[in-house]
Amino acid sequence: MVLYLLTYRGVLCHQARDLFSAGSVANPKNDDEGGVYIERALKLLETDMKKAALELDDALFVEYWGESCPPEKRIARWLEKADEVAKGWKPSESLFIE
C-alpha cells in the first residue's frame, strides 16, 4: 500500500504500518473475541477492498499480480491468491461472504 500511495498518488504515509498492524485496527471494539488477527482486520476493510477492485487501473494488477484481471473478477482472484499463502485459515471461507 505504501508503494502504491507514493508511486501513483504522490503521498508519503509514514504511519502506514500502524494503520494495518496496530491492535485497535483489527479489534476496534476491544472485545477480545480472539480469532485470526489478519482475518478480523480484512473483514473491516471488505467494503473498501470491493471499491478498490472495481476502480483501480488494470495496470496495477498487471504490475503486482503479473496478470490482467477484469474488475468484476478481482475479488475472486484475490481470494484464490490469498488461499494459496494463508496459514492457519482459508480467506475464501470467511471473507466476502454475502
PDB file of N, CA and C in Angstrom:
ATOM      1  N   MET A   1       0.806  -1.172   0.000  1.00  0.00           N
ATOM      2  CA  MET A   1       0.000   0.000   0.000  1.00  0.00           C
ATOM      3  C   MET A   1       0.868   1.262   0.000  1.00  0.00           C
ATOM      4  N   VAL A   2       1.939   1.246   0.769  1.00  0.00           N
ATOM      5  CA  VAL A   2       2.820   2.410   0.843  1.00  0.00           C
ATOM      6  C   VAL A   2       3.409   2.717  -0.531  1.00  0.00           C
ATOM      7  N   LEU A   3       3.872   1.689  -1.220  1.00  0.00           N
ATOM      8  CA  LEU A   3       4.447   1.883  -2.548  1.00  0.00           C
ATOM      9  C   LEU A   3       3.405   2.450  -3.515  1.00  0.00           C
ATOM     10  N   TYR A   4       2.186   1.941  -3.459  1.00  0.00           N
ATOM     11  CA  TYR A   4       1.111   2.451  -4.308  1.00  0.00           C
ATOM     12  C   TYR A   4       0.852   3.928  -4.015  1.00  0.00           C
ATOM     13  N   LEU A   5       0.693   4.268  -2.741  1.00  0.00           N
ATOM     14  CA  LEU A   5       0.419   5.664  -2.389  1.00  0.00           C
ATOM     15  C   LEU A   5       1.509   6.600  -2.881  1.00  0.00           C
ATOM     16  N   LEU A   6       2.742   6.200  -2.701  1.00  0.00           N
ATOM     17  CA  LEU A   6       3.857   7.053  -3.105  1.00  0.00           C
ATOM     18  C   LEU A   6       3.979   7.126  -4.629  1.00  0.00           C
ATOM     19  N   THR A   7       3.940   5.980  -5.288  1.00  0.00           N
ATOM     20  CA  THR A   7       4.154   5.919  -6.733  1.00  0.00           C
ATOM     21  C   THR A   7       2.999   6.496  -7.538  1.00  0.00           C
ATOM     22  N   TYR A   8       1.783   6.136  -7.185  1.00  0.00           N
ATOM     23  CA  TYR A   8       0.643   6.525  -8.004  1.00  0.00           C
ATOM     24  C   TYR A   8      -0.088   7.767  -7.527  1.00  0.00           C
ATOM     25  N   ARG A   9       0.062   8.107  -6.260  1.00  0.00           N
ATOM     26  CA  ARG A   9      -0.672   9.252  -5.716  1.00  0.00           C
ATOM     27  C   ARG A   9       0.233  10.354  -5.163  1.00  0.00           C
ATOM     28  N   GLY A  10       1.545  10.084  -5.096  1.00  0.00           N
ATOM     29  CA  GLY A  10       2.470  11.076  -4.577  1.00  0.00           C
ATOM     30  C   GLY A  10       2.292  11.346  -3.093  1.00  0.00           C
ATOM     31  N   VAL A  11       1.779  10.365  -2.366  1.00  0.00           N
ATOM     32  CA  VAL A  11       1.515  10.528  -0.942  1.00  0.00           C
ATOM     33  C   VAL A  11       2.526   9.717  -0.147  1.00  0.00           C
ATOM     34  N   LEU A  12       3.204  10.374   0.778  1.00  0.00           N
ATOM     35  CA  LEU A  12       4.121   9.693   1.681  1.00  0.00           C
ATOM     36  C   LEU A  12       3.401   9.515   3.011  1.00  0.00           C
ATOM     37  N   CYS A  13       3.209   8.281   3.401  1.00  0.00           N
ATOM     38  CA  CYS A  13       2.432   7.968   4.601  1.00  0.00           C
ATOM     39  C   CYS A  13       3.352   7.221   5.579  1.00  0.00           C
ATOM     40  N   HIS A  14       3.981   7.969   6.474  1.00  0.00           N
ATOM     41  CA  HIS A  14       4.956   7.391   7.405  1.00  0.00           C
ATOM     42  C   HIS A  14       4.346   6.370   8.360  1.00  0.00           C
ATOM     43  N   GLN A  15       3.107   6.544   8.734  1.00  0.00           N
ATOM     44  CA  GLN A  15       2.491   5.661   9.716  1.00  0.00           C
ATOM     45  C   GLN A  15       1.684   4.528   9.071  1.00  0.00           C
ATOM     46  N   ALA A  16       1.913   4.235   7.804  1.00  0.00           N
ATOM     47  CA  ALA A  16       1.119   3.231   7.097  1.00  0.00           C
ATOM     48  C   ALA A  16       1.145   1.878   7.792  1.00  0.00           C
ATOM     49  N   ARG A  17       2.281   1.472   8.318  1.00  0.00           N
ATOM     50  CA  ARG A  17       2.347   0.187   9.020  1.00  0.00           C
ATOM     51  C   ARG A  17       1.352   0.173  10.177  1.00  0.00           C
ATOM     52  N   ASP A  18       1.278   1.270  10.900  1.00  0.00           N
ATOM     53  CA  ASP A  18       0.385   1.341  12.052  1.00  0.00           C
ATOM     54  C   ASP A  18      -1.084   1.261  11.656  1.00  0.00           C
ATOM     55  N   LEU A  19      -1.415   1.739  10.463  1.00  0.00           N
ATOM     56  CA  LEU A  19      -2.801   1.705  10.018  1.00  0.00           C
ATOM     57  C   LEU A  19      -3.327   0.276   9.882  1.00  0.00           C
ATOM     58  N   PHE A  20      -2.417  -0.673   9.657  1.00  0.00           N
ATOM     59  CA  PHE A  20      -2.834  -2.052   9.442  1.00  0.00           C
ATOM     60  C   PHE A  20      -2.332  -3.025  10.500  1.00  0.00           C
ATOM     61  N   SER A  21      -1.417  -2.590  11.360  1.00  0.00           N
ATOM     62  CA  SER A  21      -0.841  -3.534  12.308  1.00  0.00           C
ATOM     63  C   SER A  21      -1.165  -3.233  13.764  1.00  0.00           C
ATOM     64  N   ALA A  22      -1.647  -2.051  14.060  1.00  0.00           N
ATOM     65  CA  ALA A  22      -1.973  -1.724  15.441  1.00  0.00           C
ATOM     66  C   ALA A  22      -3.170  -2.555  15.894  1.00  0.00           C
ATOM     67  N   GLY A  23      -3.154  -2.988  17.137  1.00  0.00           N
ATOM     68  CA  GLY A  23      -4.220  -3.845  17.656  1.00  0.00           C
ATOM     69  C   GLY A  23      -5.602  -3.256  17.518  1.00  0.00           C
ATOM     70  N   SER A  24      -5.722  -1.945  17.651  1.00  0.00           N
ATOM     71  CA  SER A  24      -7.036  -1.316  17.571  1.00  0.00           C
ATOM     72  C   SER A  24      -7.632  -1.397  16.174  1.00  0.00           C
ATOM     73  N   VAL A  25      -6.801  -1.636  15.174  1.00  0.00           N
ATOM     74  CA  VAL A  25      -7.314  -1.738  13.807  1.00  0.00           C
ATOM     75  C   VAL A  25      -8.161  -3.000  13.648  1.00  0.00           C
ATOM     76  N   ALA A  26      -7.662  -4.117  14.132  1.00  0.00           N
ATOM     77  CA  ALA A  26      -8.381  -5.377  13.973  1.00  0.00           C
ATOM     78  C   ALA A  26      -9.389  -5.616  15.085  1.00  0.00           C
ATOM     79  N   ASN A  27      -9.328  -4.827  16.138  1.00  0.00           N
ATOM     80  CA  ASN A  27     -10.237  -5.023  17.254  1.00  0.00           C
ATOM     81  C   ASN A  27     -10.687  -3.662  17.804  1.00  0.00           C
ATOM     82  N   PRO A  28     -11.383  -2.868  16.990  1.00  0.00           N
ATOM     83  CA  PRO A  28     -11.762  -1.522  17.437  1.00  0.00           C
ATOM     84  C   PRO A  28     -12.696  -1.515  18.636  1.00  0.00           C
ATOM     85  N   LYS A  29     -13.459  -2.586  18.844  1.00  0.00           N
ATOM     86  CA  LYS A  29     -14.378  -2.659  19.987  1.00  0.00           C
ATOM     87  C   LYS A  29     -13.664  -3.109  21.259  1.00  0.00           C
ATOM     88  N   ASN A  30     -12.400  -3.548  21.104  1.00  0.00           N
ATOM     89  CA  ASN A  30     -11.612  -4.027  22.233  1.00  0.00           C
ATOM     90  C   ASN A  30     -12.361  -5.113  23.009  1.00  0.00           C
ATOM     91  N   ASP A  31     -12.938  -6.064  22.254  1.00  0.00           N
ATOM     92  CA  ASP A  31     -13.764  -7.091  22.882  1.00  0.00           C
ATOM     93  C   ASP A  31     -13.045  -8.417  23.111  1.00  0.00           C
ATOM     94  N   ASP A  32     -11.806  -8.534  22.657  1.00  0.00           N
ATOM     95  CA  ASP A  32     -11.001  -9.737  22.884  1.00  0.00           C
ATOM     96  C   ASP A  32     -11.720 -11.037  22.517  1.00  0.00           C
ATOM     97  N   GLU A  33     -12.397 -11.040  21.376  1.00  0.00           N
ATOM     98  CA  GLU A  33     -13.097 -12.238  20.926  1.00  0.00           C
ATOM     99  C   GLU A  33     -12.159 -13.277  20.320  1.00  0.00           C
ATOM    100  N   GLY A  34     -10.920 -12.942  20.136  1.00  0.00           N
ATOM    101  CA  GLY A  34      -9.962 -13.885  19.563  1.00  0.00           C
ATOM    102  C   GLY A  34     -10.117 -13.997  18.061  1.00  0.00           C
ATOM    103  N   GLY A  35      -9.631 -15.083  17.505  1.00  0.00           N
ATOM    104  CA  GLY A  35      -9.702 -15.292  16.070  1.00  0.00           C
ATOM    105  C   GLY A  35      -8.404 -14.926  15.387  1.00  0.00           C
ATOM    106  N   VAL A  36      -8.396 -15.054  14.089  1.00  0.00           N
ATOM    107  CA  VAL A  36      -7.220 -14.748  13.289  1.00  0.00           C
ATOM    108  C   VAL A  36      -7.150 -13.234  13.097  1.00  0.00           C
ATOM    109  N   TYR A  37      -6.067 -12.651  13.558  1.00  0.00           N
ATOM    110  CA  TYR A  37      -5.899 -11.200  13.541  1.00  0.00           C
ATOM    111  C   TYR A  37      -6.073 -10.621  12.141  1.00  0.00           C
ATOM    112  N   ILE A  38      -5.374 -11.168  11.158  1.00  0.00           N
ATOM    113  CA  ILE A  38      -5.438 -10.619   9.798  1.00  0.00           C
ATOM    114  C   ILE A  38      -6.843 -10.780   9.224  1.00  0.00           C
ATOM    115  N   GLU A  39      -7.519 -11.847   9.564  1.00  0.00           N
ATOM    116  CA  GLU A  39      -8.888 -12.056   9.099  1.00  0.00           C
ATOM    117  C   GLU A  39      -9.800 -10.951   9.639  1.00  0.00           C
ATOM    118  N   ARG A  40      -9.684 -10.649  10.910  1.00  0.00           N
ATOM    119  CA  ARG A  40     -10.510  -9.602  11.511  1.00  0.00           C
ATOM    120  C   ARG A  40     -10.210  -8.252  10.873  1.00  0.00           C
ATOM    121  N   ALA A  41      -8.937  -7.960  10.638  1.00  0.00           N
ATOM    122  CA  ALA A  41      -8.554  -6.688  10.028  1.00  0.00           C
ATOM    123  C   ALA A  41      -9.116  -6.578   8.606  1.00  0.00           C
ATOM    124  N   LEU A  42      -9.013  -7.649   7.832  1.00  0.00           N
ATOM    125  CA  LEU A  42      -9.505  -7.623   6.450  1.00  0.00           C
ATOM    126  C   LEU A  42     -11.026  -7.526   6.393  1.00  0.00           C
ATOM    127  N   LYS A  43     -11.721  -8.161   7.337  1.00  0.00           N
ATOM    128  CA  LYS A  43     -13.186  -8.059   7.368  1.00  0.00           C
ATOM    129  C   LYS A  43     -13.617  -6.600   7.476  1.00  0.00           C
ATOM    130  N   LEU A  44     -12.878  -5.824   8.244  1.00  0.00           N
ATOM    131  CA  LEU A  44     -13.200  -4.415   8.415  1.00  0.00           C
ATOM    132  C   LEU A  44     -12.968  -3.616   7.132  1.00  0.00           C
ATOM    133  N   LEU A  45     -12.138  -4.134   6.236  1.00  0.00           N
ATOM    134  CA  LEU A  45     -11.791  -3.432   5.001  1.00  0.00           C
ATOM    135  C   LEU A  45     -12.550  -3.933   3.768  1.00  0.00           C
ATOM    136  N   GLU A  46     -13.438  -4.891   3.937  1.00  0.00           N
ATOM    137  CA  GLU A  46     -14.099  -5.502   2.782  1.00  0.00           C
ATOM    138  C   GLU A  46     -14.758  -4.485   1.853  1.00  0.00           C
ATOM    139  N   THR A  47     -15.490  -3.538   2.394  1.00  0.00           N
ATOM    140  CA  THR A  47     -16.174  -2.546   1.557  1.00  0.00           C
ATOM    141  C   THR A  47     -15.173  -1.735   0.750  1.00  0.00           C
ATOM    142  N   ASP A  48     -14.090  -1.315   1.404  1.00  0.00           N
ATOM    143  CA  ASP A  48     -13.062  -0.546   0.705  1.00  0.00           C
ATOM    144  C   ASP A  48     -12.347  -1.394  -0.342  1.00  0.00           C
ATOM    145  N   MET A  49     -12.135  -2.660  -0.036  1.00  0.00           N
ATOM    146  CA  MET A  49     -11.462  -3.547  -0.985  1.00  0.00           C
ATOM    147  C   MET A  49     -12.332  -3.777  -2.228  1.00  0.00           C
ATOM    148  N   LYS A  50     -13.640  -3.921  -2.041  1.00  0.00           N
ATOM    149  CA  LYS A  50     -14.544  -4.088  -3.188  1.00  0.00           C
ATOM    150  C   LYS A  50     -14.496  -2.857  -4.088  1.00  0.00           C
ATOM    151  N   LYS A  51     -14.536  -1.694  -3.463  1.00  0.00           N
ATOM    152  CA  LYS A  51     -14.494  -0.437  -4.226  1.00  0.00           C
ATOM    153  C   LYS A  51     -13.179  -0.333  -4.989  1.00  0.00           C
ATOM    154  N   ALA A  52     -12.074  -0.629  -4.323  1.00  0.00           N
ATOM    155  CA  ALA A  52     -10.765  -0.554  -4.972  1.00  0.00           C
ATOM    156  C   ALA A  52     -10.678  -1.542  -6.131  1.00  0.00           C
ATOM    157  N   ALA A  53     -11.195  -2.742  -5.941  1.00  0.00           N
ATOM    158  CA  ALA A  53     -11.146  -3.749  -7.002  1.00  0.00           C
ATOM    159  C   ALA A  53     -11.871  -3.271  -8.254  1.00  0.00           C
ATOM    160  N   LEU A  54     -12.941  -2.548  -8.071  1.00  0.00           N
ATOM    161  CA  LEU A  54     -13.709  -2.060  -9.217  1.00  0.00           C
ATOM    162  C   LEU A  54     -13.116  -0.812  -9.855  1.00  0.00           C
ATOM    163  N   GLU A  55     -12.406  -0.009  -9.075  1.00  0.00           N
ATOM    164  CA  GLU A  55     -11.959   1.283  -9.567  1.00  0.00           C
ATOM    165  C   GLU A  55     -10.484   1.382  -9.942  1.00  0.00           C
ATOM    166  N   LEU A  56      -9.632   0.558  -9.374  1.00  0.00           N
ATOM    167  CA  LEU A  56      -8.193   0.676  -9.653  1.00  0.00           C
ATOM    168  C   LEU A  56      -7.876   0.311 -11.102  1.00  0.00           C
ATOM    169  N   ASP A  57      -6.872   0.956 -11.631  1.00  0.00           N
ATOM    170  CA  ASP A  57      -6.445   0.727 -13.003  1.00  0.00           C
ATOM    171  C   ASP A  57      -5.887  -0.692 -13.165  1.00  0.00           C
ATOM    172  N   ASP A  58      -6.204  -1.318 -14.260  1.00  0.00           N
ATOM    173  CA  ASP A  58      -5.747  -2.687 -14.512  1.00  0.00           C
ATOM    174  C   ASP A  58      -4.225  -2.806 -14.509  1.00  0.00           C
ATOM    175  N   ALA A  59      -3.546  -1.733 -14.872  1.00  0.00           N
ATOM    176  CA  ALA A  59      -2.075  -1.766 -14.893  1.00  0.00           C
ATOM    177  C   ALA A  59      -1.499  -2.124 -13.522  1.00  0.00           C
ATOM    178  N   LEU A  60      -2.190  -1.761 -12.460  1.00  0.00           N
ATOM    179  CA  LEU A  60      -1.728  -2.117 -11.112  1.00  0.00           C
ATOM    180  C   LEU A  60      -1.758  -3.621 -10.893  1.00  0.00           C
ATOM    181  N   PHE A  61      -2.781  -4.272 -11.385  1.00  0.00           N
ATOM    182  CA  PHE A  61      -2.897  -5.719 -11.211  1.00  0.00           C
ATOM    183  C   PHE A  61      -1.844  -6.437 -12.049  1.00  0.00           C
ATOM    184  N   VAL A  62      -1.592  -5.912 -13.213  1.00  0.00           N
ATOM    185  CA  VAL A  62      -0.535  -6.474 -14.049  1.00  0.00           C
ATOM    186  C   VAL A  62       0.812  -6.299 -13.348  1.00  0.00           C
ATOM    187  N   GLU A  63       1.034  -5.123 -12.782  1.00  0.00           N
ATOM    188  CA  GLU A  63       2.302  -4.845 -12.100  1.00  0.00           C
ATOM    189  C   GLU A  63       2.494  -5.708 -10.855  1.00  0.00           C
ATOM    190  N   TYR A  64       1.478  -5.807 -10.012  1.00  0.00           N
ATOM    191  CA  TYR A  64       1.624  -6.501  -8.733  1.00  0.00           C
ATOM    192  C   TYR A  64       1.292  -7.983  -8.792  1.00  0.00           C
ATOM    193  N   TRP A  65       0.357  -8.381  -9.629  1.00  0.00           N
ATOM    194  CA  TRP A  65      -0.019  -9.789  -9.734  1.00  0.00           C
ATOM    195  C   TRP A  65       0.627 -10.480 -10.921  1.00  0.00           C
ATOM    196  N   GLY A  66       1.110  -9.699 -11.877  1.00  0.00           N
ATOM    197  CA  GLY A  66       1.678 -10.293 -13.074  1.00  0.00           C
ATOM    198  C   GLY A  66       0.623 -10.745 -14.064  1.00  0.00           C
ATOM    199  N   GLU A  67      -0.587 -10.239 -13.911  1.00  0.00           N
ATOM    200  CA  GLU A  67      -1.686 -10.631 -14.803  1.00  0.00           C
ATOM    201  C   GLU A  67      -2.770  -9.567 -14.817  1.00  0.00           C
ATOM    202  N   SER A  68      -3.470  -9.506 -15.917  1.00  0.00           N
ATOM    203  CA  SER A  68      -4.621  -8.630 -16.040  1.00  0.00           C
ATOM    204  C   SER A  68      -5.826  -9.349 -15.445  1.00  0.00           C
ATOM    205  N   CYS A  69      -6.747  -8.594 -14.892  1.00  0.00           N
ATOM    206  CA  CYS A  69      -7.932  -9.207 -14.301  1.00  0.00           C
ATOM    207  C   CYS A  69      -9.100  -8.237 -14.430  1.00  0.00           C
ATOM    208  N   PRO A  70     -10.210  -8.677 -15.005  1.00  0.00           N
ATOM    209  CA  PRO A  70     -11.371  -7.793 -15.132  1.00  0.00           C
ATOM    210  C   PRO A  70     -11.859  -7.360 -13.748  1.00  0.00           C
ATOM    211  N   PRO A  71     -12.310  -6.130 -13.610  1.00  0.00           N
ATOM    212  CA  PRO A  71     -12.733  -5.619 -12.307  1.00  0.00           C
ATOM    213  C   PRO A  71     -13.702  -6.525 -11.546  1.00  0.00           C
ATOM    214  N   GLU A  72     -14.661  -7.086 -12.235  1.00  0.00           N
ATOM    215  CA  GLU A  72     -15.672  -7.911 -11.562  1.00  0.00           C
ATOM    216  C   GLU A  72     -15.131  -9.254 -11.062  1.00  0.00           C
ATOM    217  N   LYS A  73     -13.935  -9.618 -11.473  1.00  0.00           N
ATOM    218  CA  LYS A  73     -13.340 -10.899 -11.053  1.00  0.00           C
ATOM    219  C   LYS A  73     -12.157 -10.721 -10.095  1.00  0.00           C
ATOM    220  N   ARG A  74     -11.826  -9.488  -9.757  1.00  0.00           N
ATOM    221  CA  ARG A  74     -10.630  -9.217  -8.949  1.00  0.00           C
ATOM    222  C   ARG A  74     -10.724  -9.764  -7.531  1.00  0.00           C
ATOM    223  N   ILE A  75     -11.869  -9.640  -6.893  1.00  0.00           N
ATOM    224  CA  ILE A  75     -12.005 -10.156  -5.522  1.00  0.00           C
ATOM    225  C   ILE A  75     -11.865 -11.673  -5.523  1.00  0.00           C
ATOM    226  N   ALA A  76     -12.509 -12.347  -6.450  1.00  0.00           N
ATOM    227  CA  ALA A  76     -12.406 -13.808  -6.522  1.00  0.00           C
ATOM    228  C   ALA A  76     -10.965 -14.231  -6.779  1.00  0.00           C
ATOM    229  N   ARG A  77     -10.278 -13.509  -7.643  1.00  0.00           N
ATOM    230  CA  ARG A  77      -8.877 -13.846  -7.935  1.00  0.00           C
ATOM    231  C   ARG A  77      -8.003 -13.571  -6.721  1.00  0.00           C
ATOM    232  N   TRP A  78      -8.269 -12.469  -6.033  1.00  0.00           N
ATOM    233  CA  TRP A  78      -7.514 -12.163  -4.823  1.00  0.00           C
ATOM    234  C   TRP A  78      -7.708 -13.265  -3.784  1.00  0.00           C
ATOM    235  N   LEU A  79      -8.937 -13.739  -3.639  1.00  0.00           N
ATOM    236  CA  LEU A  79      -9.200 -14.822  -2.687  1.00  0.00           C
ATOM    237  C   LEU A  79      -8.423 -16.087  -3.062  1.00  0.00           C
ATOM    238  N   GLU A  80      -8.359 -16.404  -4.348  1.00  0.00           N
ATOM    239  CA  GLU A  80      -7.567 -17.564  -4.782  1.00  0.00           C
ATOM    240  C   GLU A  80      -6.110 -17.396  -4.371  1.00  0.00           C
ATOM    241  N   LYS A  81      -5.575 -16.220  -4.617  1.00  0.00           N
ATOM    242  CA  LYS A  81      -4.178 -15.946  -4.271  1.00  0.00           C
ATOM    243  C   LYS A  81      -3.976 -15.982  -2.761  1.00  0.00           C
ATOM    244  N   ALA A  82      -4.913 -15.400  -2.026  1.00  0.00           N
ATOM    245  CA  ALA A  82      -4.811 -15.377  -0.568  1.00  0.00           C
ATOM    246  C   ALA A  82      -4.890 -16.788   0.006  1.00  0.00           C
ATOM    247  N   ASP A  83      -5.762 -17.620  -0.534  1.00  0.00           N
ATOM    248  CA  ASP A  83      -5.881 -19.014  -0.064  1.00  0.00           C
ATOM    249  C   ASP A  83      -4.564 -19.770  -0.216  1.00  0.00           C
ATOM    250  N   GLU A  84      -3.823 -19.448  -1.261  1.00  0.00           N
ATOM    251  CA  GLU A  84      -2.554 -20.141  -1.513  1.00  0.00           C
ATOM    252  C   GLU A  84      -1.492 -19.826  -0.470  1.00  0.00           C
ATOM    253  N   VAL A  85      -1.542 -18.641   0.115  1.00  0.00           N
ATOM    254  CA  VAL A  85      -0.476 -18.230   1.030  1.00  0.00           C
ATOM    255  C   VAL A  85      -0.898 -18.156   2.499  1.00  0.00           C
ATOM    256  N   ALA A  86      -2.180 -18.155   2.776  1.00  0.00           N
ATOM    257  CA  ALA A  86      -2.640 -18.043   4.168  1.00  0.00           C
ATOM    258  C   ALA A  86      -2.268 -19.287   4.956  1.00  0.00           C
ATOM    259  N   LYS A  87      -1.905 -19.068   6.196  1.00  0.00           N
ATOM    260  CA  LYS A  87      -1.544 -20.179   7.078  1.00  0.00           C
ATOM    261  C   LYS A  87      -2.498 -20.183   8.271  1.00  0.00           C
ATOM    262  N   GLY A  88      -3.107 -21.321   8.539  1.00  0.00           N
ATOM    263  CA  GLY A  88      -3.990 -21.454   9.684  1.00  0.00           C
ATOM    264  C   GLY A  88      -5.433 -21.057   9.444  1.00  0.00           C
ATOM    265  N   TRP A  89      -5.736 -20.591   8.255  1.00  0.00           N
ATOM    266  CA  TRP A  89      -7.111 -20.250   7.899  1.00  0.00           C
ATOM    267  C   TRP A  89      -7.212 -20.129   6.392  1.00  0.00           C
ATOM    268  N   LYS A  90      -8.425 -20.135   5.875  1.00  0.00           N
ATOM    269  CA  LYS A  90      -8.647 -20.038   4.436  1.00  0.00           C
ATOM    270  C   LYS A  90      -9.510 -18.809   4.166  1.00  0.00           C
ATOM    271  N   PRO A  91      -8.911 -17.736   3.627  1.00  0.00           N
ATOM    272  CA  PRO A  91      -9.642 -16.485   3.412  1.00  0.00           C
ATOM    273  C   PRO A  91     -10.967 -16.638   2.668  1.00  0.00           C
ATOM    274  N   SER A  92     -11.026 -17.501   1.677  1.00  0.00           N
ATOM    275  CA  SER A  92     -12.261 -17.632   0.893  1.00  0.00           C
ATOM    276  C   SER A  92     -13.419 -18.214   1.701  1.00  0.00           C
ATOM    277  N   GLU A  93     -13.129 -18.786   2.853  1.00  0.00           N
ATOM    278  CA  GLU A  93     -14.192 -19.354   3.688  1.00  0.00           C
ATOM    279  C   GLU A  93     -14.813 -18.321   4.629  1.00  0.00           C
ATOM    280  N   SER A  94     -14.175 -17.162   4.768  1.00  0.00           N
ATOM    281  CA  SER A  94     -14.720 -16.191   5.720  1.00  0.00           C
ATOM    282  C   SER A  94     -14.792 -14.758   5.196  1.00  0.00           C
ATOM    283  N   LEU A  95     -14.111 -14.453   4.124  1.00  0.00           N
ATOM    284  CA  LEU A  95     -14.130 -13.084   3.597  1.00  0.00           C
ATOM    285  C   LEU A  95     -15.027 -12.983   2.371  1.00  0.00           C
ATOM    286  N   PHE A  96     -15.649 -11.853   2.208  1.00  0.00           N
ATOM    287  CA  PHE A  96     -16.516 -11.563   1.068  1.00  0.00           C
ATOM    288  C   PHE A  96     -17.636 -12.593   0.926  1.00  0.00           C
ATOM    289  N   ILE A  97     -18.188 -13.004   2.039  1.00  0.00           N
ATOM    290  CA  ILE A  97     -19.338 -13.917   2.049  1.00  0.00           C
ATOM    291  C   ILE A  97     -20.589 -13.030   2.100  1.00  0.00           C
ATOM    292  N   GLU A  98     -21.368 -13.073   1.062  1.00  0.00           N
ATOM    293  CA  GLU A  98     -22.553 -12.211   1.016  1.00  0.00           C
ATOM    294  C   GLU A  98     -23.823 -12.974   1.213  1.00  0.00           C
TER     295      GLU A  98
END
